[in-house]
Amino acid sequence: ITKMYTKGGIYVGKHAGFTVEKPETNPKFAKPSYRRGTKGKRVALIRDVIREISGYAPYERRIIKLLSIGDEGADKRAMKFAKRRIGGHRRGKAKREAFRLIVAAQKKAAKEKAAKEAKEAREARERAEKEKKEGK
C-alpha cells in the first residue's frame, strides 16, 4: 500500500515540490469544479422521474431477474452480463450494486405487503367470528 505524501519543499526526490497549504473551503461556497462527479438534487430528481416513467431497459430487467434469484452463481452471472453490456468491470460492479439495492427494496416491499394483507385477513376473520357469536 502506497502512502500519499505531501510536497516537502525540496528540489529533488519523492517529496519534491513547493509546499502549498490548501485553503479551508466551505463546500457551500466551493468552486463548481470541486463538486465534479457528485450528483445534485435537481439531477437526481429528474433521473428518478425519467426512471419512473420509462422503466428499465431489457438488459437491466435481466440483471434484476438474475439478482432476484439470490445465489452466488446468479450473482456472478449478473456481474458478467452487466460487465459485457456496459463495457467495463467497474461500471458493471456499480450497476450490479445499484440493482442489488433495488431488488432488496422490492423484496422488503413485497414482505411488508404480505404482512399487511395477512393482518387484514386475520382482522376480517376475527370480525366475522365476533359477528357470528353476536348473531346467536
Protein backbone atom coordinates (compact mmCIF):
# COMPACT_ATOMS: atom_id res chain seq x y z
CA ILE A 1 0.00 0.00 0.00
CA THR A 2 1.46 3.33 -1.01
CA LYS A 3 1.04 6.35 1.18
CA MET A 4 0.18 9.73 -0.27
CA TYR A 5 2.91 12.23 0.57
CA THR A 6 2.63 16.00 0.67
CA LYS A 7 5.28 18.03 -1.06
CA GLY A 8 8.20 18.55 1.27
CA GLY A 9 9.68 21.76 -0.13
CA ILE A 10 12.83 20.11 -1.50
CA TYR A 11 14.12 20.24 -5.05
CA VAL A 12 14.50 16.54 -5.89
CA GLY A 13 13.21 13.19 -4.76
CA LYS A 14 9.93 11.68 -3.72
CA HIS A 15 8.79 14.78 -1.80
CA ALA A 16 9.95 17.34 -4.36
CA GLY A 17 7.86 20.43 -4.89
CA PHE A 18 6.90 23.72 -3.35
CA THR A 19 4.91 23.32 -0.13
CA VAL A 20 1.44 24.73 -0.51
CA GLU A 21 -1.27 24.70 2.12
CA LYS A 22 -4.68 24.29 0.58
CA PRO A 23 -7.22 26.79 1.88
CA GLU A 24 -10.06 25.58 4.09
CA THR A 25 -13.10 25.90 1.86
CA ASN A 26 -16.72 25.77 2.82
CA PRO A 27 -18.37 23.24 0.45
CA LYS A 28 -21.33 25.58 0.14
CA PHE A 29 -19.15 28.27 -1.45
CA ALA A 30 -16.67 25.99 -3.23
CA LYS A 31 -15.93 26.25 -6.92
CA PRO A 32 -18.31 24.26 -9.14
CA SER A 33 -15.39 22.23 -10.48
CA TYR A 34 -14.76 20.86 -6.96
CA ARG A 35 -18.10 19.03 -6.92
CA ARG A 36 -17.37 17.16 -10.15
CA GLY A 37 -18.86 13.67 -10.01
CA THR A 38 -21.35 14.37 -7.22
CA LYS A 39 -25.00 14.25 -8.13
CA GLY A 40 -27.10 17.32 -7.38
CA LYS A 41 -30.65 17.25 -6.05
CA ARG A 42 -32.16 18.52 -9.30
CA VAL A 43 -30.40 15.94 -11.46
CA ALA A 44 -31.34 13.16 -9.02
CA LEU A 45 -35.00 14.21 -9.09
CA ILE A 46 -35.09 14.40 -12.89
CA ARG A 47 -33.44 10.98 -13.25
CA ASP A 48 -35.90 9.46 -10.77
CA VAL A 49 -38.85 10.88 -12.72
CA ILE A 50 -37.45 9.58 -16.01
CA ARG A 51 -36.79 6.14 -14.47
CA GLU A 52 -40.35 6.04 -13.10
CA ILE A 53 -41.85 6.92 -16.48
CA SER A 54 -39.64 4.86 -18.80
CA GLY A 55 -38.89 1.87 -16.57
CA TYR A 56 -35.87 -0.36 -17.10
CA ALA A 57 -34.07 -1.36 -20.27
CA PRO A 58 -34.29 -5.04 -21.26
CA TYR A 59 -30.70 -5.73 -20.15
CA GLU A 60 -31.43 -4.07 -16.80
CA ARG A 61 -34.53 -6.24 -16.34
CA ARG A 62 -32.39 -9.32 -16.97
CA ILE A 63 -29.84 -8.19 -14.36
CA ILE A 64 -32.67 -7.67 -11.86
CA LYS A 65 -34.05 -11.13 -12.67
CA LEU A 66 -30.64 -12.74 -12.11
CA LEU A 67 -30.11 -10.85 -8.84
CA SER A 68 -33.56 -11.77 -7.54
CA ILE A 69 -32.59 -15.46 -7.72
CA GLY A 70 -30.22 -14.70 -4.88
CA ASP A 71 -27.49 -17.36 -5.11
CA GLU A 72 -23.77 -16.82 -5.79
CA GLY A 73 -23.84 -18.22 -9.32
CA ALA A 74 -26.64 -15.95 -10.44
CA ASP A 75 -24.89 -13.01 -8.80
CA LYS A 76 -21.71 -13.76 -10.74
CA ARG A 77 -23.67 -14.20 -13.98
CA ALA A 78 -25.37 -10.85 -13.37
CA MET A 79 -21.95 -9.24 -12.90
CA LYS A 80 -20.55 -10.80 -16.07
CA PHE A 81 -23.65 -9.84 -18.03
CA ALA A 82 -23.58 -6.24 -16.78
CA LYS A 83 -19.86 -6.00 -17.50
CA ARG A 84 -20.34 -7.23 -21.04
CA ARG A 85 -23.29 -4.92 -21.77
CA ILE A 86 -21.93 -1.77 -20.14
CA GLY A 87 -18.32 -2.16 -21.19
CA GLY A 88 -16.18 -2.30 -18.07
CA HIS A 89 -15.62 -4.10 -14.79
CA ARG A 90 -16.11 -1.08 -12.52
CA ARG A 91 -19.20 0.07 -14.40
CA GLY A 92 -20.65 -3.43 -14.22
CA LYS A 93 -19.98 -3.59 -10.48
CA ALA A 94 -21.65 -0.22 -9.94
CA LYS A 95 -24.70 -1.26 -11.96
CA ARG A 96 -24.94 -4.59 -10.11
CA GLU A 97 -24.74 -2.87 -6.72
CA ALA A 98 -27.40 -0.34 -7.73
CA PHE A 99 -29.74 -3.10 -8.84
CA ARG A 100 -28.93 -5.19 -5.75
CA LEU A 101 -30.32 -2.33 -3.65
CA ILE A 102 -33.40 -2.15 -5.89
CA VAL A 103 -34.02 -5.90 -5.57
CA ALA A 104 -33.63 -5.67 -1.78
CA ALA A 105 -36.14 -2.81 -1.68
CA GLN A 106 -38.58 -4.80 -3.85
CA LYS A 107 -38.28 -7.85 -1.58
CA LYS A 108 -38.80 -5.69 1.51
CA ALA A 109 -41.88 -4.05 -0.03
CA ALA A 110 -43.32 -7.44 -1.00
CA LYS A 111 -42.73 -8.76 2.52
CA GLU A 112 -44.42 -5.72 4.09
CA LYS A 113 -47.36 -6.04 1.69
CA ALA A 114 -47.79 -9.74 2.52
CA ALA A 115 -47.66 -8.97 6.25
CA LYS A 116 -50.24 -6.20 5.85
CA GLU A 117 -52.57 -8.47 3.84
CA ALA A 118 -52.21 -11.25 6.43
CA LYS A 119 -53.05 -8.81 9.22
CA GLU A 120 -56.13 -7.54 7.33
CA ALA A 121 -57.29 -11.12 6.66
CA ARG A 122 -56.83 -12.02 10.34
CA GLU A 123 -58.82 -8.94 11.43
CA ALA A 124 -61.60 -9.74 8.93
CA ARG A 125 -61.76 -13.32 10.21
CA GLU A 126 -61.96 -12.11 13.81
CA ARG A 127 -64.74 -9.64 12.91
CA ALA A 128 -66.68 -12.39 11.16
CA GLU A 129 -66.34 -14.69 14.19
CA LYS A 130 -67.41 -11.88 16.52
CA GLU A 131 -70.48 -11.11 14.38
CA LYS A 132 -71.30 -14.81 14.25
CA LYS A 133 -71.18 -15.04 18.06
CA GLU A 134 -73.32 -11.91 18.46
CA GLY A 135 -75.84 -13.23 15.93
CA LYS A 136 -76.52 -16.39 18.00
